[in-house]
Amino acid sequence: MFTFDDEDIQEYSYSGVNDKIQYSDDDCLIIGGSDNPDKGAAIYVGNDFFKGRSCECETFGSSTLSRDVDFTIKCLEVWGFDFI
């Protein structure tokens, strides 16, 4: 996980606190998580790929990654790696 602006990049590595790295089903894609009800996923993307949410996340020790907790997705980039 990371955030950046014109002058700074903030990186958030796996904290080891829990094993909630990623989850997906027909309703959503989630990266990170928390057992604490006051925290949540680093990134949550709904099944329409239009609405998202970012919360303080224990998995990566991250703060909210977006300006607002709820946001509209303007562009989504997905990367895959083929390890042969």
PDB file of N, CA and C in Angstrom:
ATOM      1  N   MET A   1       0.830  -1.148   0.000  1.00  0.00           N
ATOM      2  CA  MET A   1       0.000   0.000   0.000  1.00  0.00           C
ATOM      3  C   MET A   1       0.891   1.233   0.000  1.00  0.00           C
ATOM      4  N   PHE A   2       0.352   2.306  -0.609  1.00  0.00           N
ATOM      5  CA  PHE A   2       1.094   3.562  -0.596  1.00  0.00           C
ATOM      6  C   PHE A   2       0.141   4.713  -0.902  1.00  0.00           C
ATOM      7  N   THR A   3       0.570   5.872  -0.520  1.00  0.00           N
ATOM      8  CA  THR A   3      -0.074   7.119  -0.912  1.00  0.00           C
ATOM      9  C   THR A   3       1.025   8.031  -1.428  1.00  0.00           C
ATOM     10  N   PHE A   4       0.653   8.985  -2.244  1.00  0.00           N
ATOM     11  CA  PHE A   4       1.642   9.943  -2.707  1.00  0.00           C
ATOM     12  C   PHE A   4       0.973  11.259  -3.069  1.00  0.00           C
ATOM     13  N   ASP A   5       1.788  12.302  -3.003  1.00  0.00           N
ATOM     14  CA  ASP A   5       1.377  13.618  -3.486  1.00  0.00           C
ATOM     15  C   ASP A   5       2.559  14.185  -4.266  1.00  0.00           C
ATOM     16  N   ASP A   6       2.571  15.453  -4.520  1.00  0.00           N
ATOM     17  CA  ASP A   6       3.626  16.053  -5.338  1.00  0.00           C
ATOM     18  C   ASP A   6       5.028  15.907  -4.749  1.00  0.00           C
ATOM     19  N   GLU A   7       5.123  15.773  -3.434  1.00  0.00           N
ATOM     20  CA  GLU A   7       6.433  15.804  -2.798  1.00  0.00           C
ATOM     21  C   GLU A   7       6.786  14.564  -1.985  1.00  0.00           C
ATOM     22  N   ASP A   8       5.822  13.687  -1.684  1.00  0.00           N
ATOM     23  CA  ASP A   8       6.085  12.635  -0.717  1.00  0.00           C
ATOM     24  C   ASP A   8       5.387  11.334  -1.119  1.00  0.00           C
ATOM     25  N   ILE A   9       6.068  10.211  -0.893  1.00  0.00           N
ATOM     26  CA  ILE A   9       5.471   8.891  -1.039  1.00  0.00           C
ATOM     27  C   ILE A   9       5.500   8.232   0.328  1.00  0.00           C
ATOM     28  N   GLN A  10       4.350   7.735   0.769  1.00  0.00           N
ATOM     29  CA  GLN A  10       4.263   7.035   2.045  1.00  0.00           C
ATOM     30  C   GLN A  10       3.946   5.572   1.753  1.00  0.00           C
ATOM     31  N   GLU A  11       4.832   4.668   2.151  1.00  0.00           N
ATOM     32  CA  GLU A  11       4.666   3.239   1.913  1.00  0.00           C
ATOM     33  C   GLU A  11       4.180   2.550   3.182  1.00  0.00           C
ATOM     34  N   TYR A  12       3.277   1.605   3.009  1.00  0.00           N
ATOM     35  CA  TYR A  12       2.761   0.804   4.120  1.00  0.00           C
ATOM     36  C   TYR A  12       2.982  -0.663   3.791  1.00  0.00           C
ATOM     37  N   SER A  13       3.851  -1.326   4.532  1.00  0.00           N
ATOM     38  CA  SER A  13       4.153  -2.741   4.307  1.00  0.00           C
ATOM     39  C   SER A  13       3.270  -3.611   5.191  1.00  0.00           C
ATOM     40  N   TYR A  14       3.245  -4.892   4.904  1.00  0.00           N
ATOM     41  CA  TYR A  14       2.491  -5.858   5.695  1.00  0.00           C
ATOM     42  C   TYR A  14       2.951  -5.802   7.145  1.00  0.00           C
ATOM     43  N   SER A  15       2.006  -5.638   8.060  1.00  0.00           N
ATOM     44  CA  SER A  15       2.336  -5.456   9.474  1.00  0.00           C
ATOM     45  C   SER A  15       2.491  -6.765  10.234  1.00  0.00           C
ATOM     46  N   GLY A  16       1.906  -7.856   9.732  1.00  0.00           N
ATOM     47  CA  GLY A  16       1.947  -9.131  10.446  1.00  0.00           C
ATOM     48  C   GLY A  16       0.886  -9.252  11.526  1.00  0.00           C
ATOM     49  N   VAL A  17       0.068  -8.220  11.712  1.00  0.00           N
ATOM     50  CA  VAL A  17      -0.960  -8.221  12.762  1.00  0.00           C
ATOM     51  C   VAL A  17      -2.060  -9.237  12.478  1.00  0.00           C
ATOM     52  N   ASN A  18      -2.429  -9.391  11.212  1.00  0.00           N
ATOM     53  CA  ASN A  18      -3.446 -10.363  10.827  1.00  0.00           C
ATOM     54  C   ASN A  18      -3.118 -10.885   9.421  1.00  0.00           C
ATOM     55  N   ASP A  19      -3.924 -11.808   8.934  1.00  0.00           N
ATOM     56  CA  ASP A  19      -3.660 -12.378   7.612  1.00  0.00           C
ATOM     57  C   ASP A  19      -4.719 -11.969   6.590  1.00  0.00           C
ATOM     58  N   LYS A  20      -5.302 -10.820   6.768  1.00  0.00           N
ATOM     59  CA  LYS A  20      -6.363 -10.331   5.881  1.00  0.00           C
ATOM     60  C   LYS A  20      -5.762  -9.535   4.724  1.00  0.00           C
ATOM     61  N   ILE A  21      -4.978 -10.225   3.895  1.00  0.00           N
ATOM     62  CA  ILE A  21      -4.267  -9.579   2.793  1.00  0.00           C
ATOM     63  C   ILE A  21      -5.237  -9.169   1.692  1.00  0.00           C
ATOM     64  N   GLN A  22      -6.017 -10.135   1.184  1.00  0.00           N
ATOM     65  CA  GLN A  22      -6.991  -9.807   0.141  1.00  0.00           C
ATOM     66  C   GLN A  22      -8.161 -10.776   0.194  1.00  0.00           C
ATOM     67  N   TYR A  23      -9.290 -10.307  -0.315  1.00  0.00           N
ATOM     68  CA  TYR A  23     -10.515 -11.102  -0.365  1.00  0.00           C
ATOM     69  C   TYR A  23     -11.342 -10.603  -1.538  1.00  0.00           C
ATOM     70  N   SER A  24     -12.011 -11.510  -2.211  1.00  0.00           N
ATOM     71  CA  SER A  24     -12.946 -11.092  -3.251  1.00  0.00           C
ATOM     72  C   SER A  24     -14.066 -12.112  -3.374  1.00  0.00           C
ATOM     73  N   ASP A  25     -15.213 -11.648  -3.803  1.00  0.00           N
ATOM     74  CA  ASP A  25     -16.346 -12.484  -4.141  1.00  0.00           C
ATOM     75  C   ASP A  25     -17.162 -11.738  -5.191  1.00  0.00           C
ATOM     76  N   ASP A  26     -18.387 -12.131  -5.417  1.00  0.00           N
ATOM     77  CA  ASP A  26     -19.210 -11.486  -6.441  1.00  0.00           C
ATOM     78  C   ASP A  26     -19.605 -10.053  -6.093  1.00  0.00           C
ATOM     79  N   ASP A  27     -19.440  -9.663  -4.832  1.00  0.00           N
ATOM     80  CA  ASP A  27     -19.880  -8.347  -4.377  1.00  0.00           C
ATOM     81  C   ASP A  27     -18.777  -7.313  -4.249  1.00  0.00           C
ATOM     82  N   CYS A  28     -17.523  -7.769  -4.047  1.00  0.00           N
ATOM     83  CA  CYS A  28     -16.478  -6.784  -3.755  1.00  0.00           C
ATOM     84  C   CYS A  28     -15.078  -7.350  -3.911  1.00  0.00           C
ATOM     85  N   LEU A  29     -14.117  -6.446  -3.884  1.00  0.00           N
ATOM     86  CA  LEU A  29     -12.690  -6.750  -3.817  1.00  0.00           C
ATOM     87  C   LEU A  29     -12.160  -5.983  -2.618  1.00  0.00           C
ATOM     88  N   ILE A  30     -11.491  -6.679  -1.711  1.00  0.00           N
ATOM     89  CA  ILE A  30     -10.993  -6.053  -0.483  1.00  0.00           C
ATOM     90  C   ILE A  30      -9.508  -6.330  -0.343  1.00  0.00           C
ATOM     91  N   ILE A  31      -8.738  -5.297  -0.017  1.00  0.00           N
ATOM     92  CA  ILE A  31      -7.319  -5.441   0.274  1.00  0.00           C
ATOM     93  C   ILE A  31      -7.093  -4.937   1.694  1.00  0.00           C
ATOM     94  N   GLY A  32      -6.592  -5.823   2.539  1.00  0.00           N
ATOM     95  CA  GLY A  32      -6.376  -5.489   3.944  1.00  0.00           C
ATOM     96  C   GLY A  32      -7.649  -5.632   4.751  1.00  0.00           C
ATOM     97  N   GLY A  33      -7.505  -5.561   6.055  1.00  0.00           N
ATOM     98  CA  GLY A  33      -8.666  -5.689   6.928  1.00  0.00           C
ATOM     99  C   GLY A  33      -8.307  -5.441   8.375  1.00  0.00           C
ATOM    100  N   SER A  34      -9.288  -5.654   9.235  1.00  0.00           N
ATOM    101  CA  SER A  34      -9.107  -5.370  10.652  1.00  0.00           C
ATOM    102  C   SER A  34     -10.116  -6.157  11.477  1.00  0.00           C
ATOM    103  N   ASP A  35      -9.714  -6.526  12.672  1.00  0.00           N
ATOM    104  CA  ASP A  35     -10.643  -7.103  13.639  1.00  0.00           C
ATOM    105  C   ASP A  35     -11.250  -6.009  14.513  1.00  0.00           C
ATOM    106  N   ASN A  36     -10.712  -4.814  14.424  1.00  0.00           N
ATOM    107  CA  ASN A  36     -11.177  -3.671  15.196  1.00  0.00           C
ATOM    108  C   ASN A  36     -12.328  -2.994  14.434  1.00  0.00           C
ATOM    109  N   PRO A  37     -13.513  -2.867  15.058  1.00  0.00           N
ATOM    110  CA  PRO A  37     -14.647  -2.259  14.347  1.00  0.00           C
ATOM    111  C   PRO A  37     -14.451  -0.791  13.980  1.00  0.00           C
ATOM    112  N   ASP A  38     -13.471  -0.102  14.587  1.00  0.00           N
ATOM    113  CA  ASP A  38     -13.192   1.295  14.256  1.00  0.00           C
ATOM    114  C   ASP A  38     -12.256   1.430  13.063  1.00  0.00           C
ATOM    115  N   LYS A  39     -11.756   0.308  12.561  1.00  0.00           N
ATOM    116  CA  LYS A  39     -10.853   0.305  11.414  1.00  0.00           C
ATOM    117  C   LYS A  39     -11.485  -0.545  10.326  1.00  0.00           C
ATOM    118  N   GLY A  40     -10.802  -0.744   9.203  1.00  0.00           N
ATOM    119  CA  GLY A  40     -11.398  -1.535   8.134  1.00  0.00           C
ATOM    120  C   GLY A  40     -10.390  -1.906   7.073  1.00  0.00           C
ATOM    121  N   ALA A  41     -10.862  -2.003   5.833  1.00  0.00           N
ATOM    122  CA  ALA A  41     -10.014  -2.369   4.705  1.00  0.00           C
ATOM    123  C   ALA A  41      -9.199  -1.174   4.236  1.00  0.00           C
ATOM    124  N   ALA A  42      -7.972  -1.438   3.812  1.00  0.00           N
ATOM    125  CA  ALA A  42      -7.168  -0.380   3.193  1.00  0.00           C
ATOM    126  C   ALA A  42      -7.858   0.078   1.914  1.00  0.00           C
ATOM    127  N   ILE A  43      -8.330  -0.899   1.125  1.00  0.00           N
ATOM    128  CA  ILE A  43      -9.068  -0.591  -0.099  1.00  0.00           C
ATOM    129  C   ILE A  43     -10.243  -1.553  -0.237  1.00  0.00           C
ATOM    130  N   TYR A  44     -11.421  -1.005  -0.434  1.00  0.00           N
ATOM    131  CA  TYR A  44     -12.627  -1.775  -0.730  1.00  0.00           C
ATOM    132  C   TYR A  44     -13.171  -1.256  -2.056  1.00  0.00           C
ATOM    133  N   VAL A  45     -13.431  -2.165  -3.005  1.00  0.00           N
ATOM    134  CA  VAL A  45     -14.004  -1.806  -4.302  1.00  0.00           C
ATOM    135  C   VAL A  45     -15.283  -2.612  -4.479  1.00  0.00           C
ATOM    136  N   GLY A  46     -16.388  -1.917  -4.724  1.00  0.00           N
ATOM    137  CA  GLY A  46     -17.664  -2.585  -4.940  1.00  0.00           C
ATOM    138  C   GLY A  46     -17.715  -3.280  -6.286  1.00  0.00           C
ATOM    139  N   ASN A  47     -18.702  -4.153  -6.469  1.00  0.00           N
ATOM    140  CA  ASN A  47     -18.777  -4.963  -7.681  1.00  0.00           C
ATOM    141  C   ASN A  47     -19.081  -4.169  -8.947  1.00  0.00           C
ATOM    142  N   ASP A  48     -19.465  -2.915  -8.817  1.00  0.00           N
ATOM    143  CA  ASP A  48     -19.681  -2.082 -10.007  1.00  0.00           C
ATOM    144  C   ASP A  48     -18.403  -1.359 -10.434  1.00  0.00           C
ATOM    145  N   PHE A  49     -17.334  -1.497  -9.648  1.00  0.00           N
ATOM    146  CA  PHE A  49     -16.041  -0.837  -9.894  1.00  0.00           C
ATOM    147  C   PHE A  49     -16.198   0.678 -10.051  1.00  0.00           C
ATOM    148  N   PHE A  50     -17.206   1.235  -9.400  1.00  0.00           N
ATOM    149  CA  PHE A  50     -17.475   2.670  -9.465  1.00  0.00           C
ATOM    150  C   PHE A  50     -17.302   3.340  -8.104  1.00  0.00           C
ATOM    151  N   LYS A  51     -17.655   2.646  -7.052  1.00  0.00           N
ATOM    152  CA  LYS A  51     -17.540   3.182  -5.694  1.00  0.00           C
ATOM    153  C   LYS A  51     -16.471   2.424  -4.918  1.00  0.00           C
ATOM    154  N   GLY A  52     -15.735   3.157  -4.081  1.00  0.00           N
ATOM    155  CA  GLY A  52     -14.710   2.552  -3.250  1.00  0.00           C
ATOM    156  C   GLY A  52     -14.706   3.162  -1.871  1.00  0.00           C
ATOM    157  N   ARG A  53     -13.892   2.568  -1.014  1.00  0.00           N
ATOM    158  CA  ARG A  53     -13.773   3.032   0.365  1.00  0.00           C
ATOM    159  C   ARG A  53     -12.373   2.692   0.854  1.00  0.00           C
ATOM    160  N   SER A  54     -11.803   3.558   1.669  1.00  0.00           N
ATOM    161  CA  SER A  54     -10.514   3.298   2.292  1.00  0.00           C
ATOM    162  C   SER A  54     -10.589   3.712   3.754  1.00  0.00           C
ATOM    163  N   CYS A  55     -10.125   2.823   4.621  1.00  0.00           N
ATOM    164  CA  CYS A  55     -10.146   3.082   6.063  1.00  0.00           C
ATOM    165  C   CYS A  55      -8.763   2.815   6.652  1.00  0.00           C
ATOM    166  N   GLU A  56      -8.564   3.255   7.861  1.00  0.00           N
ATOM    167  CA  GLU A  56      -7.361   2.884   8.596  1.00  0.00           C
ATOM    168  C   GLU A  56      -7.334   1.358   8.669  1.00  0.00           C
ATOM    169  N   CYS A  57      -6.189   0.739   8.406  1.00  0.00           N
ATOM    170  CA  CYS A  57      -6.128  -0.711   8.227  1.00  0.00           C
ATOM    171  C   CYS A  57      -5.000  -1.331   9.053  1.00  0.00           C
ATOM    172  N   GLU A  58      -5.346  -2.338   9.848  1.00  0.00           N
ATOM    173  CA  GLU A  58      -4.353  -3.022  10.674  1.00  0.00           C
ATOM    174  C   GLU A  58      -3.393  -3.877   9.850  1.00  0.00           C
ATOM    175  N   THR A  59      -3.859  -4.486   8.765  1.00  0.00           N
ATOM    176  CA  THR A  59      -3.023  -5.387   7.969  1.00  0.00           C
ATOM    177  C   THR A  59      -1.749  -4.703   7.482  1.00  0.00           C
ATOM    178  N   PHE A  60      -1.879  -3.431   7.105  1.00  0.00           N
ATOM    179  CA  PHE A  60      -0.727  -2.689   6.587  1.00  0.00           C
ATOM    180  C   PHE A  60      -0.305  -1.541   7.504  1.00  0.00           C
ATOM    181  N   GLY A  61      -0.992  -1.361   8.615  1.00  0.00           N
ATOM    182  CA  GLY A  61      -0.676  -0.244   9.501  1.00  0.00           C
ATOM    183  C   GLY A  61      -0.869   1.088   8.812  1.00  0.00           C
ATOM    184  N   SER A  62      -1.834   1.129   7.902  1.00  0.00           N
ATOM    185  CA  SER A  62      -2.028   2.322   7.076  1.00  0.00           C
ATOM    186  C   SER A  62      -3.143   3.212   7.592  1.00  0.00           C
ATOM    187  N   SER A  63      -3.027   4.468   7.261  1.00  0.00           N
ATOM    188  CA  SER A  63      -4.114   5.406   7.493  1.00  0.00           C
ATOM    189  C   SER A  63      -5.051   5.317   6.288  1.00  0.00           C
ATOM    190  N   THR A  64      -6.112   6.098   6.278  1.00  0.00           N
ATOM    191  CA  THR A  64      -6.994   6.149   5.113  1.00  0.00           C
ATOM    192  C   THR A  64      -6.167   6.593   3.912  1.00  0.00           C
ATOM    193  N   LEU A  65      -6.269   5.866   2.797  1.00  0.00           N
ATOM    194  CA  LEU A  65      -5.417   6.118   1.635  1.00  0.00           C
ATOM    195  C   LEU A  65      -5.980   7.176   0.693  1.00  0.00           C
ATOM    196  N   SER A  66      -7.242   7.536   0.869  1.00  0.00           N
ATOM    197  CA  SER A  66      -7.885   8.536   0.018  1.00  0.00           C
ATOM    198  C   SER A  66      -8.202   9.782   0.833  1.00  0.00           C
ATOM    199  N   ARG A  67      -8.514  10.877   0.146  1.00  0.00           N
ATOM    200  CA  ARG A  67      -8.855  12.119   0.866  1.00  0.00           C
ATOM    201  C   ARG A  67     -10.070  11.921   1.757  1.00  0.00           C
ATOM    202  N   ASP A  68     -11.085  11.245   1.208  1.00  0.00           N
ATOM    203  CA  ASP A  68     -12.309  10.929   1.951  1.00  0.00           C
ATOM    204  C   ASP A  68     -12.420   9.417   2.064  1.00  0.00           C
ATOM    205  N   VAL A  69     -13.097   8.943   3.092  1.00  0.00           N
ATOM    206  CA  VAL A  69     -13.263   7.503   3.285  1.00  0.00           C
ATOM    207  C   VAL A  69     -13.959   6.884   2.069  1.00  0.00           C
ATOM    208  N   ASP A  70     -15.052   7.454   1.619  1.00  0.00           N
ATOM    209  CA  ASP A  70     -15.771   6.982   0.439  1.00  0.00           C
ATOM    210  C   ASP A  70     -15.323   7.781  -0.775  1.00  0.00           C
ATOM    211  N   PHE A  71     -15.145   7.114  -1.903  1.00  0.00           N
ATOM    212  CA  PHE A  71     -14.689   7.799  -3.104  1.00  0.00           C
ATOM    213  C   PHE A  71     -15.282   7.156  -4.357  1.00  0.00           C
ATOM    214  N   THR A  72     -15.227   7.885  -5.452  1.00  0.00           N
ATOM    215  CA  THR A  72     -15.648   7.397  -6.760  1.00  0.00           C
ATOM    216  C   THR A  72     -14.408   7.007  -7.549  1.00  0.00           C
ATOM    217  N   ILE A  73     -14.437   5.847  -8.166  1.00  0.00           N
ATOM    218  CA  ILE A  73     -13.301   5.361  -8.938  1.00  0.00           C
ATOM    219  C   ILE A  73     -13.363   5.953 -10.341  1.00  0.00           C
ATOM    220  N   LYS A  74     -12.325   6.672 -10.723  1.00  0.00           N
ATOM    221  CA  LYS A  74     -12.256   7.265 -12.057  1.00  0.00           C
ATOM    222  C   LYS A  74     -11.485   6.373 -13.020  1.00  0.00           C
ATOM    223  N   CYS A  75     -10.496   5.648 -12.513  1.00  0.00           N
ATOM    224  CA  CYS A  75      -9.675   4.768 -13.331  1.00  0.00           C
ATOM    225  C   CYS A  75      -9.176   3.638 -12.444  1.00  0.00           C
ATOM    226  N   LEU A  76      -9.224   2.428 -12.931  1.00  0.00           N
ATOM    227  CA  LEU A  76      -8.749   1.270 -12.171  1.00  0.00           C
ATOM    228  C   LEU A  76      -7.700   0.549 -13.010  1.00  0.00           C
ATOM    229  N   GLU A  77      -6.511   0.391 -12.453  1.00  0.00           N
ATOM    230  CA  GLU A  77      -5.421  -0.294 -13.145  1.00  0.00           C
ATOM    231  C   GLU A  77      -5.110  -1.573 -12.390  1.00  0.00           C
ATOM    232  N   VAL A  78      -5.078  -2.692 -13.084  1.00  0.00           N
ATOM    233  CA  VAL A  78      -4.828  -3.995 -12.467  1.00  0.00           C
ATOM    234  C   VAL A  78      -3.599  -4.607 -13.125  1.00  0.00           C
ATOM    235  N   TRP A  79      -2.711  -5.131 -12.309  1.00  0.00           N
ATOM    236  CA  TRP A  79      -1.490  -5.750 -12.797  1.00  0.00           C
ATOM    237  C   TRP A  79      -1.522  -7.239 -12.454  1.00  0.00           C
ATOM    238  N   GLY A  80      -0.972  -8.040 -13.299  1.00  0.00           N
ATOM    239  CA  GLY A  80      -0.802  -9.472 -13.040  1.00  0.00           C
ATOM    240  C   GLY A  80       0.629  -9.860 -13.321  1.00  0.00           C
ATOM    241  N   PHE A  81       1.089 -10.882 -12.647  1.00  0.00           N
ATOM    242  CA  PHE A  81       2.455 -11.354 -12.834  1.00  0.00           C
ATOM    243  C   PHE A  81       2.412 -12.830 -13.175  1.00  0.00           C
ATOM    244  N   ASP A  82       3.210 -13.243 -14.127  1.00  0.00           N
ATOM    245  CA  ASP A  82       3.298 -14.628 -14.538  1.00  0.00           C
ATOM    246  C   ASP A  82       4.666 -15.151 -14.117  1.00  0.00           C
ATOM    247  N   PHE A  83       4.672 -16.023 -13.127  1.00  0.00           N
ATOM    248  CA  PHE A  83       5.930 -16.565 -12.625  1.00  0.00           C
ATOM    249  C   PHE A  83       6.148 -17.941 -13.235  1.00  0.00           C
ATOM    250  N   ILE A  84       7.069 -17.999 -14.168  1.00  0.00           N
ATOM    251  CA  ILE A  84       7.363 -19.266 -14.842  1.00  0.00           C
ATOM    252  C   ILE A  84       8.749 -19.740 -14.446  1.00  0.00           C
TER     253      ILE A  84
END
